C-alpha atoms as a PDB file:
ATOM      1  CA  MET A   1      25.231 -72.699  99.384  1.00  0.00           C
ATOM      2  CA  THR A   2      27.964 -70.408  98.101  1.00  0.00           C
ATOM      3  CA  THR A   3      27.742 -68.825  94.681  1.00  0.00           C
ATOM      4  CA  PRO A   4      30.844 -68.795  92.443  1.00  0.00           C
ATOM      5  CA  MET A   5      32.084 -65.552  90.924  1.00  0.00           C
ATOM      6  CA  SER A   6      30.056 -64.784  87.819  1.00  0.00           C
ATOM      7  CA  MET A   7      31.743 -65.486  84.528  1.00  0.00           C
ATOM      8  CA  PRO A   8      31.856 -61.839  83.347  1.00  0.00           C
ATOM      9  CA  SER A   9      33.466 -60.741  86.623  1.00  0.00           C
ATOM     10  CA  ALA A  10      36.036 -63.525  86.444  1.00  0.00           C
ATOM     11  CA  VAL A  11      36.962 -62.726  82.847  1.00  0.00           C
ATOM     12  CA  GLN A  12      37.170 -59.007  83.607  1.00  0.00           C
ATOM     13  CA  ALA A  13      39.642 -59.819  86.401  1.00  0.00           C
ATOM     14  CA  VAL A  14      41.750 -61.854  83.956  1.00  0.00           C
ATOM     15  CA  LEU A  15      41.603 -59.043  81.396  1.00  0.00           C
ATOM     16  CA  SER A  16      42.616 -56.452  83.990  1.00  0.00           C
ATOM     17  CA  ARG A  17      45.726 -58.479  84.831  1.00  0.00           C
ATOM     18  CA  GLY A  18      46.448 -58.939  81.131  1.00  0.00           C
ATOM     19  CA  VAL A  19      46.254 -55.202  80.408  1.00  0.00           C
ATOM     20  CA  ARG A  20      48.646 -54.409  83.254  1.00  0.00           C
ATOM     21  CA  GLU A  21      51.036 -57.139  82.109  1.00  0.00           C
ATOM     22  CA  LEU A  22      50.877 -55.905  78.486  1.00  0.00           C
ATOM     23  CA  HIS A  23      51.796 -52.424  79.706  1.00  0.00           C
ATOM     24  CA  ARG A  24      54.787 -53.865  81.573  1.00  0.00           C
ATOM     25  CA  ALA A  25      55.942 -56.426  79.000  1.00  0.00           C
ATOM     26  CA  THR A  26      55.917 -54.126  75.962  1.00  0.00           C
ATOM     27  CA  ALA A  27      57.141 -51.029  77.829  1.00  0.00           C
ATOM     28  CA  LEU A  28      54.571 -49.041  75.816  1.00  0.00           C
ATOM     29  CA  PRO A  29      52.974 -46.322  77.949  1.00  0.00           C
ATOM     30  CA  VAL A  30      49.323 -47.156  77.292  1.00  0.00           C
ATOM     31  CA  ALA A  31      47.421 -50.446  77.360  1.00  0.00           C
ATOM     32  CA  PHE A  32      43.717 -51.181  77.360  1.00  0.00           C
ATOM     33  CA  GLY A  33      41.252 -53.881  76.419  1.00  0.00           C
ATOM     34  CA  GLY A  34      37.713 -55.174  76.367  1.00  0.00           C
ATOM     35  CA  ILE A  35      35.588 -58.314  76.300  1.00  0.00           C
ATOM     36  CA  VAL A  36      34.094 -59.368  72.958  1.00  0.00           C
ATOM     37  CA  CYS A  37      30.291 -59.527  72.970  1.00  0.00           C
ATOM     38  CA  ARG A  38      28.535 -62.842  72.430  1.00  0.00           C
ATOM     39  CA  ASP A  39      27.486 -61.985  68.908  1.00  0.00           C
ATOM     40  CA  GLN A  40      31.173 -61.477  67.990  1.00  0.00           C
ATOM     41  CA  ARG A  41      30.289 -58.161  66.341  1.00  0.00           C
ATOM     42  CA  SER A  42      31.664 -55.739  68.908  1.00  0.00           C
ATOM     43  CA  PHE A  43      33.517 -55.328  72.183  1.00  0.00           C
ATOM     44  CA  VAL A  44      33.498 -52.732  74.961  1.00  0.00           C
ATOM     45  CA  ILE A  45      36.724 -51.291  76.342  1.00  0.00           C
ATOM     46  CA  SER A  46      36.613 -51.848  80.091  1.00  0.00           C
ATOM     47  CA  GLN A  47      40.237 -51.898  81.288  1.00  0.00           C
ATOM     48  CA  LEU A  48      42.807 -49.087  81.054  1.00  0.00           C
ATOM     49  CA  SER A  49      46.453 -48.816  82.100  1.00  0.00           C
ATOM     50  CA  GLY A  50      48.520 -45.668  81.651  1.00  0.00           C
ATOM     51  CA  ALA A  51      45.626 -43.634  80.253  1.00  0.00           C
ATOM     52  CA  LEU A  52      45.471 -39.869  80.690  1.00  0.00           C
ATOM     53  CA  THR A  53      41.668 -39.764  80.663  1.00  0.00           C
ATOM     54  CA  GLU A  54      38.673 -42.085  80.654  1.00  0.00           C
ATOM     55  CA  SER A  55      37.697 -41.167  77.095  1.00  0.00           C
ATOM     56  CA  LEU A  56      38.206 -44.769  75.933  1.00  0.00           C
ATOM     57  CA  LEU A  57      36.442 -46.372  78.887  1.00  0.00           C
ATOM     58  CA  ARG A  58      33.127 -48.034  77.951  1.00  0.00           C
ATOM     59  CA  LEU A  59      33.740 -47.301  74.260  1.00  0.00           C
ATOM     60  CA  ARG A  60      31.959 -49.885  72.081  1.00  0.00           C
ATOM     61  CA  VAL A  61      34.068 -50.895  69.083  1.00  0.00           C
ATOM     62  CA  ASP A  62      32.198 -52.505  66.202  1.00  0.00           C
ATOM     63  CA  LEU A  63      33.415 -55.237  63.877  1.00  0.00           C
ATOM     64  CA  GLY A  64      35.555 -53.698  61.129  1.00  0.00           C
ATOM     65  CA  SER A  65      35.621 -50.208  62.653  1.00  0.00           C
ATOM     66  CA  GLY A  66      38.832 -48.604  63.863  1.00  0.00           C
ATOM     67  CA  LEU A  67      41.987 -50.533  64.643  1.00  0.00           C
ATOM     68  CA  GLY A  68      40.396 -52.925  67.137  1.00  0.00           C
ATOM     69  CA  GLY A  69      37.403 -53.575  64.891  1.00  0.00           C
ATOM     70  CA  LYS A  70      39.781 -54.424  62.055  1.00  0.00           C
ATOM     71  CA  ALA A  71      41.705 -56.867  64.278  1.00  0.00           C
ATOM     72  CA  LEU A  72      38.410 -58.408  65.383  1.00  0.00           C
ATOM     73  CA  ALA A  73      37.258 -58.858  61.786  1.00  0.00           C
ATOM     74  CA  LEU A  74      40.582 -60.365  60.713  1.00  0.00           C
ATOM     75  CA  ALA A  75      40.944 -62.386  63.950  1.00  0.00           C
ATOM     76  CA  ARG A  76      44.642 -61.456  63.990  1.00  0.00           C
ATOM     77  CA  PRO A  77      46.807 -58.566  65.248  1.00  0.00           C
ATOM     78  CA  ALA A  78      46.664 -55.184  63.499  1.00  0.00           C
ATOM     79  CA  ALA A  79      48.853 -52.124  63.975  1.00  0.00           C
ATOM     80  CA  VAL A  80      49.183 -48.516  62.810  1.00  0.00           C
ATOM     81  CA  SER A  81      52.266 -46.327  63.054  1.00  0.00           C
ATOM     82  CA  ASP A  82      50.411 -43.005  62.707  1.00  0.00           C
ATOM     83  CA  TYR A  83      46.892 -43.493  64.028  1.00  0.00           C
ATOM     84  CA  PHE A  84      45.186 -40.267  62.934  1.00  0.00           C
ATOM     85  CA  ASN A  85      46.659 -40.393  59.411  1.00  0.00           C
ATOM     86  CA  ALA A  86      46.306 -44.151  58.842  1.00  0.00           C
ATOM     87  CA  ASP A  87      44.446 -44.994  55.622  1.00  0.00           C
ATOM     88  CA  GLU A  88      44.084 -48.687  56.467  1.00  0.00           C
ATOM     89  CA  ILE A  89      41.512 -48.172  59.242  1.00  0.00           C
ATOM     90  CA  THR A  90      38.290 -46.255  59.639  1.00  0.00           C
ATOM     91  CA  HIS A  91      38.365 -43.241  61.939  1.00  0.00           C
ATOM     92  CA  THR A  92      35.056 -43.852  63.663  1.00  0.00           C
ATOM     93  CA  TYR A  93      36.536 -43.410  67.131  1.00  0.00           C
ATOM     94  CA  ASP A  94      38.941 -40.502  66.611  1.00  0.00           C
ATOM     95  CA  ARG A  95      37.045 -38.294  69.059  1.00  0.00           C
ATOM     96  CA  ALA A  96      37.511 -40.893  71.833  1.00  0.00           C
ATOM     97  CA  VAL A  97      41.156 -41.515  70.939  1.00  0.00           C
ATOM     98  CA  ALA A  98      42.125 -37.831  70.607  1.00  0.00           C
ATOM     99  CA  PRO A  99      42.306 -37.031  74.373  1.00  0.00           C
ATOM    100  CA  GLU A 100      44.859 -39.812  74.752  1.00  0.00           C
ATOM    101  CA  ARG A 101      47.013 -38.391  71.910  1.00  0.00           C
ATOM    102  CA  LEU A 102      47.881 -41.886  70.675  1.00  0.00           C
ATOM    103  CA  HIS A 103      50.234 -42.221  67.718  1.00  0.00           C
ATOM    104  CA  THR A 104      51.404 -45.825  67.375  1.00  0.00           C
ATOM    105  CA  ALA A 105      49.005 -48.607  68.341  1.00  0.00           C
ATOM    106  CA  LEU A 106      48.719 -52.383  68.259  1.00  0.00           C
ATOM    107  CA  ALA A 107      45.515 -54.429  68.701  1.00  0.00           C
ATOM    108  CA  ILE A 108      45.690 -58.157  69.453  1.00  0.00           C
ATOM    109  CA  PRO A 109      42.662 -60.476  69.580  1.00  0.00           C
ATOM    110  CA  VAL A 110      42.558 -62.934  72.480  1.00  0.00           C
ATOM    111  CA  ARG A 111      41.204 -66.170  71.062  1.00  0.00           C
ATOM    112  CA  VAL A 112      39.583 -68.829  73.230  1.00  0.00           C
ATOM    113  CA  GLY A 113      38.372 -71.687  71.076  1.00  0.00           C
ATOM    114  CA  PRO A 114      37.395 -70.752  67.529  1.00  0.00           C
ATOM    115  CA  ALA A 115      36.531 -67.085  68.166  1.00  0.00           C
ATOM    116  CA  PRO A 116      38.046 -63.992  69.821  1.00  0.00           C
ATOM    117  CA  ALA A 117      37.007 -63.578  73.459  1.00  0.00           C
ATOM    118  CA  ALA A 118      38.704 -60.227  74.128  1.00  0.00           C
ATOM    119  CA  MET A 119      40.831 -57.514  72.558  1.00  0.00           C
ATOM    120  CA  LEU A 120      44.090 -56.124  73.916  1.00  0.00           C
ATOM    121  CA  TYR A 121      45.738 -52.854  72.836  1.00  0.00           C
ATOM    122  CA  ALA A 122      49.209 -51.468  73.457  1.00  0.00           C
ATOM    123  CA  ALA A 123      49.967 -47.927  72.306  1.00  0.00           C
ATOM    124  CA  SER A 124      52.404 -45.026  72.427  1.00  0.00           C
ATOM    125  CA  ARG A 125      51.918 -41.288  72.239  1.00  0.00           C
ATOM    126  CA  GLU A 126      55.151 -41.011  70.283  1.00  0.00           C
ATOM    127  CA  PRO A 127      56.207 -42.566  66.965  1.00  0.00           C
ATOM    128  CA  VAL A 128      57.801 -45.924  67.778  1.00  0.00           C
ATOM    129  CA  VAL A 129      58.762 -48.963  65.759  1.00  0.00           C
ATOM    130  CA  LEU A 130      56.850 -52.046  66.838  1.00  0.00           C
ATOM    131  CA  GLY A 131      59.806 -54.382  66.507  1.00  0.00           C
ATOM    132  CA  ASP A 132      59.975 -58.127  66.995  1.00  0.00           C
ATOM    133  CA  ARG A 133      60.562 -57.847  70.744  1.00  0.00           C
ATOM    134  CA  VAL A 134      57.447 -55.786  71.321  1.00  0.00           C
ATOM    135  CA  LEU A 135      55.340 -58.023  69.081  1.00  0.00           C
ATOM    136  CA  ARG A 136      56.608 -61.202  70.739  1.00  0.00           C
ATOM    137  CA  SER A 137      55.959 -59.766  74.191  1.00  0.00           C
ATOM    138  CA  ALA A 138      52.451 -58.654  73.259  1.00  0.00           C
ATOM    139  CA  VAL A 139      51.550 -61.989  71.686  1.00  0.00           C
ATOM    140  CA  SER A 140      52.944 -63.828  74.726  1.00  0.00           C
ATOM    141  CA  VAL A 141      50.705 -61.801  77.039  1.00  0.00           C
ATOM    142  CA  ALA A 142      47.696 -62.461  74.800  1.00  0.00           C
ATOM    143  CA  ARG A 143      48.379 -66.207  74.858  1.00  0.00           C
ATOM    144  CA  GLN A 144      48.545 -66.145  78.667  1.00  0.00           C
ATOM    145  CA  VAL A 145      45.248 -64.273  78.840  1.00  0.00           C
ATOM    146  CA  GLU A 146      43.750 -66.887  76.513  1.00  0.00           C
ATOM    147  CA  ARG A 147      44.853 -69.680  78.846  1.00  0.00           C
ATOM    148  CA  ASP A 148      43.575 -67.850  81.927  1.00  0.00           C
ATOM    149  CA  ILE A 149      40.159 -67.188  80.377  1.00  0.00           C
ATOM    150  CA  ALA A 150      39.912 -70.842  79.327  1.00  0.00           C
ATOM    151  CA  VAL A 151      40.668 -71.908  82.909  1.00  0.00           C
ATOM    152  CA  GLU A 152      38.099 -69.471  84.318  1.00  0.00           C
ATOM    153  CA  ARG A 153      35.465 -70.807  81.938  1.00  0.00           C
ATOM    154  CA  GLU A 154      36.201 -74.390  82.966  1.00  0.00           C
ATOM    155  CA  VAL A 155      36.119 -73.521  86.684  1.00  0.00           C
ATOM    156  CA  HIS A 156      32.816 -71.703  86.156  1.00  0.00           C
ATOM    157  CA  ARG A 157      31.393 -74.661  84.210  1.00  0.00           C
ATOM    158  CA  ARG A 158      32.378 -77.161  86.887  1.00  0.00           C
ATOM    159  CA  LEU A 159      31.157 -75.021  89.778  1.00  0.00           C
ATOM    160  CA  GLY A 160      27.880 -74.500  87.930  1.00  0.00           C
ATOM    161  CA  ALA A 161      27.445 -78.240  87.435  1.00  0.00           C
ATOM    162  CA  VAL A 162      28.126 -78.897  91.128  1.00  0.00           C
ATOM    163  CA  ALA A 163      25.695 -76.147  92.164  1.00  0.00           C
ATOM    164  CA  ARG A 164      22.948 -77.565  89.926  1.00  0.00           C
ATOM    165  CA  GLU A 165      23.512 -81.060  91.318  1.00  0.00           C
ATOM    166  CA  ARG A 166      23.349 -79.802  94.912  1.00  0.00           C
ATOM    167  CA  THR A 167      20.180 -77.855  94.190  1.00  0.00           C
ATOM    168  CA  GLU A 168      18.516 -80.975  92.792  1.00  0.00           C
ATOM    169  CA  LEU A 169      19.643 -83.050  95.775  1.00  0.00           C
ATOM    170  CA  ASP A 170      18.409 -80.378  98.185  1.00  0.00           C
ATOM    171  CA  GLN A 171      15.002 -80.507  96.495  1.00  0.00           C
ATOM    172  CA  VAL A 172      14.899 -84.299  96.807  1.00  0.00           C
ATOM    173  CA  ARG A 173      15.827 -84.068 100.469  1.00  0.00           C
ATOM    174  CA  ALA A 174      13.100 -81.502 101.140  1.00  0.00           C
ATOM    175  CA  GLU A 175      10.536 -83.805  99.550  1.00  0.00           C
ATOM    176  CA  LEU A 176      11.754 -86.768 101.635  1.00  0.00           C
ATOM    177  CA  ASP A 177      11.531 -84.712 104.821  1.00  0.00           C
ATOM    178  CA  ALA A 178       8.013 -83.618 103.906  1.00  0.00           C
ATOM    179  CA  ILE A 179       6.937 -87.211 103.313  1.00  0.00           C
ATOM    180  CA  ALA A 180       8.601 -88.337 106.551  1.00  0.00           C
ATOM    181  CA  GLY A 181       6.421 -85.847 108.390  1.00  0.00           C
ATOM    182  CA  LEU A 182       3.317 -87.619 107.112  1.00  0.00           C
ATOM    183  CA  VAL A 183       4.191 -91.136 108.277  1.00  0.00           C
ATOM    184  CA  THR A 184       5.202 -92.804 111.530  1.00  0.00           C
ATOM    185  CA  GLY A 185       7.235 -95.736 112.787  1.00  0.00           C
ATOM    186  CA  GLN A 186       9.910 -97.488 110.752  1.00  0.00           C
ATOM    187  CA  ALA A 187       8.833 -95.835 107.501  1.00  0.00           C
ATOM    188  CA  ARG A 188       9.513 -92.392 108.967  1.00  0.00           C
ATOM    189  CA  ASP A 189      12.885 -93.491 110.369  1.00  0.00           C
ATOM    190  CA  ARG A 190      13.912 -94.940 107.014  1.00  0.00           C
ATOM    191  CA  LEU A 191      12.863 -91.841 105.149  1.00  0.00           C
ATOM    192  CA  ARG A 192      14.864 -89.655 107.524  1.00  0.00           C
ATOM    193  CA  ALA A 193      17.900 -91.910 107.105  1.00  0.00           C
ATOM    194  CA  VAL A 194      17.645 -91.638 103.329  1.00  0.00           C
ATOM    195  CA  SER A 195      17.213 -87.866 103.677  1.00  0.00           C
ATOM    196  CA  SER A 196      20.448 -87.691 105.678  1.00  0.00           C
ATOM    197  CA  ARG A 197      22.263 -89.681 102.998  1.00  0.00           C
ATOM    198  CA  VAL A 198      20.970 -87.317 100.321  1.00  0.00           C
ATOM    199  CA  GLY A 199      22.148 -84.404 102.453  1.00  0.00           C
ATOM    200  CA  ALA A 200      25.589 -85.987 102.568  1.00  0.00           C
ATOM    201  CA  LEU A 201      25.672 -86.211  98.780  1.00  0.00           C
ATOM    202  CA  ALA A 202      24.537 -82.582  98.555  1.00  0.00           C
ATOM    203  CA  GLY A 203      27.494 -81.547 100.676  1.00  0.00           C
ATOM    204  CA  ASP A 204      25.644 -79.895 103.564  1.00  0.00           C
ATOM    205  CA  GLY A 205      26.671 -80.120 107.180  1.00  0.00           C
ATOM    206  CA  HIS A 206      25.462 -83.741 107.405  1.00  0.00           C
ATOM    207  CA  ALA A 207      28.111 -84.781 104.911  1.00  0.00           C
ATOM    208  CA  THR A 208      31.104 -83.355 106.683  1.00  0.00           C
ATOM    209  CA  GLY A 209      30.692 -84.575 110.218  1.00  0.00           C
ATOM    210  CA  ARG A 210      32.321 -82.622 113.026  1.00  0.00           C
ATOM    211  CA  PRO A 211      35.985 -81.692 113.431  1.00  0.00           C
ATOM    212  CA  GLY A 212      37.752 -84.370 115.386  1.00  0.00           C
ATOM    213  CA  ASP A 213      35.281 -87.203 114.685  1.00  0.00           C
ATOM    214  CA  GLY A 214      37.349 -88.553 111.780  1.00  0.00           C
ATOM    215  CA  THR A 215      34.713 -87.971 109.126  1.00  0.00           C
ATOM    216  CA  VAL A 216      36.060 -84.725 107.628  1.00  0.00           C
ATOM    217  CA  SER A 217      38.163 -85.244 104.515  1.00  0.00           C
ATOM    218  CA  LEU A 218      39.919 -82.599 102.405  1.00  0.00           C
ATOM    219  CA  THR A 219      41.612 -83.037  99.047  1.00  0.00           C
ATOM    220  CA  PRO A 220      45.388 -82.458  98.879  1.00  0.00           C
ATOM    221  CA  ARG A 221      44.849 -79.154  97.064  1.00  0.00           C
ATOM    222  CA  GLU A 222      42.269 -77.971  99.624  1.00  0.00           C
ATOM    223  CA  THR A 223      44.766 -78.822 102.363  1.00  0.00           C
ATOM    224  CA  GLU A 224      47.540 -76.882 100.591  1.00  0.00           C
ATOM    225  CA  VAL A 225      45.308 -73.843 100.241  1.00  0.00           C
ATOM    226  CA  LEU A 226      44.249 -73.974 103.902  1.00  0.00           C
ATOM    227  CA  ALA A 227      47.857 -74.366 105.036  1.00  0.00           C
ATOM    228  CA  LEU A 228      48.757 -71.138 103.243  1.00  0.00           C
ATOM    229  CA  VAL A 229      45.657 -69.432 104.643  1.00  0.00           C
ATOM    230  CA  ALA A 230      46.897 -70.479 108.095  1.00  0.00           C
ATOM    231  CA  ARG A 231      50.159 -68.643 107.325  1.00  0.00           C
ATOM    232  CA  GLY A 232      48.155 -65.492 106.693  1.00  0.00           C
ATOM    233  CA  GLU A 233      48.637 -65.471 102.923  1.00  0.00           C
ATOM    234  CA  PRO A 234      45.991 -63.655 100.810  1.00  0.00           C
ATOM    235  CA  ASN A 235      44.298 -65.502  97.948  1.00  0.00           C
ATOM    236  CA  ARG A 236      46.427 -63.853  95.273  1.00  0.00           C
ATOM    237  CA  ALA A 237      49.699 -64.870  96.960  1.00  0.00           C
ATOM    238  CA  ILE A 238      48.369 -68.403  97.444  1.00  0.00           C
ATOM    239  CA  GLY A 239      47.569 -68.572  93.747  1.00  0.00           C
ATOM    240  CA  GLU A 240      51.067 -67.404  92.814  1.00  0.00           C
ATOM    241  CA  GLU A 241      52.696 -69.993  95.096  1.00  0.00           C
ATOM    242  CA  LEU A 242      50.534 -72.899  93.889  1.00  0.00           C
ATOM    243  CA  GLY A 243      50.309 -71.822  90.252  1.00  0.00           C
ATOM    244  CA  LEU A 244      46.552 -71.201  90.436  1.00  0.00           C
ATOM    245  CA  LEU A 245      44.283 -68.335  89.478  1.00  0.00           C
ATOM    246  CA  THR A 246      42.887 -66.347  92.399  1.00  0.00           C
ATOM    247  CA  ASN A 247      39.363 -67.456  91.514  1.00  0.00           C
ATOM    248  CA  THR A 248      40.478 -71.102  91.592  1.00  0.00           C
ATOM    249  CA  VAL A 249      42.005 -70.563  95.042  1.00  0.00           C
ATOM    250  CA  LYS A 250      38.669 -69.149  96.195  1.00  0.00           C
ATOM    251  CA  ALA A 251      36.875 -72.224  94.851  1.00  0.00           C
ATOM    252  CA  TYR A 252      39.161 -74.595  96.795  1.00  0.00           C
ATOM    253  CA  LEU A 253      38.806 -72.482  99.930  1.00  0.00           C
ATOM    254  CA  LYS A 254      35.010 -72.398  99.679  1.00  0.00           C
ATOM    255  CA  SER A 255      34.928 -76.166  99.181  1.00  0.00           C
ATOM    256  CA  ALA A 256      37.096 -76.699 102.282  1.00  0.00           C
ATOM    257  CA  MET A 257      34.951 -74.285 104.312  1.00  0.00           C
ATOM    258  CA  ARG A 258      31.802 -76.146 103.273  1.00  0.00           C
ATOM    259  CA  LYS A 259      33.262 -79.504 104.266  1.00  0.00           C
ATOM    260  CA  LEU A 260      34.384 -78.117 107.618  1.00  0.00           C
ATOM    261  CA  GLY A 261      31.110 -76.284 108.226  1.00  0.00           C
ATOM    262  CA  ALA A 262      33.071 -73.047 108.597  1.00  0.00           C
ATOM    263  CA  ALA A 263      31.631 -69.577 108.084  1.00  0.00           C
ATOM    264  CA  ASN A 264      34.963 -67.910 107.236  1.00  0.00           C
ATOM    265  CA  ARG A 265      38.609 -68.707 106.464  1.00  0.00           C
ATOM    266  CA  VAL A 266      39.806 -68.289 110.061  1.00  0.00           C
ATOM    267  CA  GLN A 267      37.184 -70.715 111.332  1.00  0.00           C
ATOM    268  CA  ALA A 268      38.108 -73.137 108.541  1.00  0.00           C
ATOM    269  CA  VAL A 269      41.747 -73.163 109.667  1.00  0.00           C
ATOM    270  CA  CYS A 270      40.744 -73.698 113.299  1.00  0.00           C
ATOM    271  CA  ARG A 271      38.413 -76.585 112.444  1.00  0.00           C
ATOM    272  CA  ALA A 272      40.977 -78.170 110.140  1.00  0.00           C
ATOM    273  CA  ARG A 273      43.487 -78.103 112.977  1.00  0.00           C
ATOM    274  CA  GLU A 274      40.924 -79.573 115.381  1.00  0.00           C
ATOM    275  CA  ALA A 275      40.354 -82.369 112.888  1.00  0.00           C
ATOM    276  CA  GLY A 276      44.090 -83.037 112.624  1.00  0.00           C
ATOM    277  CA  LEU A 277      44.144 -81.991 108.959  1.00  0.00           C
ATOM    278  CA  LEU A 278      46.700 -79.202 109.467  1.00  0.00           C
ATOM    279  CA  ASP A 279      49.893 -79.157 111.484  1.00  0.00           C
END
């Protein structure tokens, strides 16, 4: 049984894209960000774009401390035009910020549900005016990151529910097989038949049949993903074409591979063609 990408890894991937997009959208030379801890009292900077050093990497920012801690406490954007002389923030992290020589900075909480899930920063090493265009662009990126994290959480929740259900069904099937080994005659045959039906529900090889026997069935989205795989497209490009996150593409591909009994994406395409599911 395949294991979905862990939630922290999936969210870090979303945040990494968001930091790069914030860098591009605002045209500010530095962008970085981090995931808010479960207790909502701190976050750790884990993604950098345009940085001169790694002085900010793995920096833990506490609630109320520094610019990001202020934004976290207020649950709304906060900005400073002269970081090292700003009276409106604490200077707890000046030693980490100094190597980057930041002057103007903006921190934007990424809210998913009632609480911030991450923090995004955009900054400049020169005095700049954070006008309406920059603010709108930064907020737009934050809203997209919010949507992407929400999708990742839902995908993770659904994959987790499916995995738990399959595990339970696998356990039931193992018990049926064990009991079948203790009896003979019609009782054993019936137990094995029920075990096969449970295996079908669990989604193992007994559920999918063999390519070409008419029992393999893919959803329209699984078919679309496989068709693009057959064209040689990588997961990221498939996601862009279908309007899906890369992790969601992987989930559809893994589901199709399981149904086809395929060990890899190339084998999945071949078996789908054998089954008449791809042109």
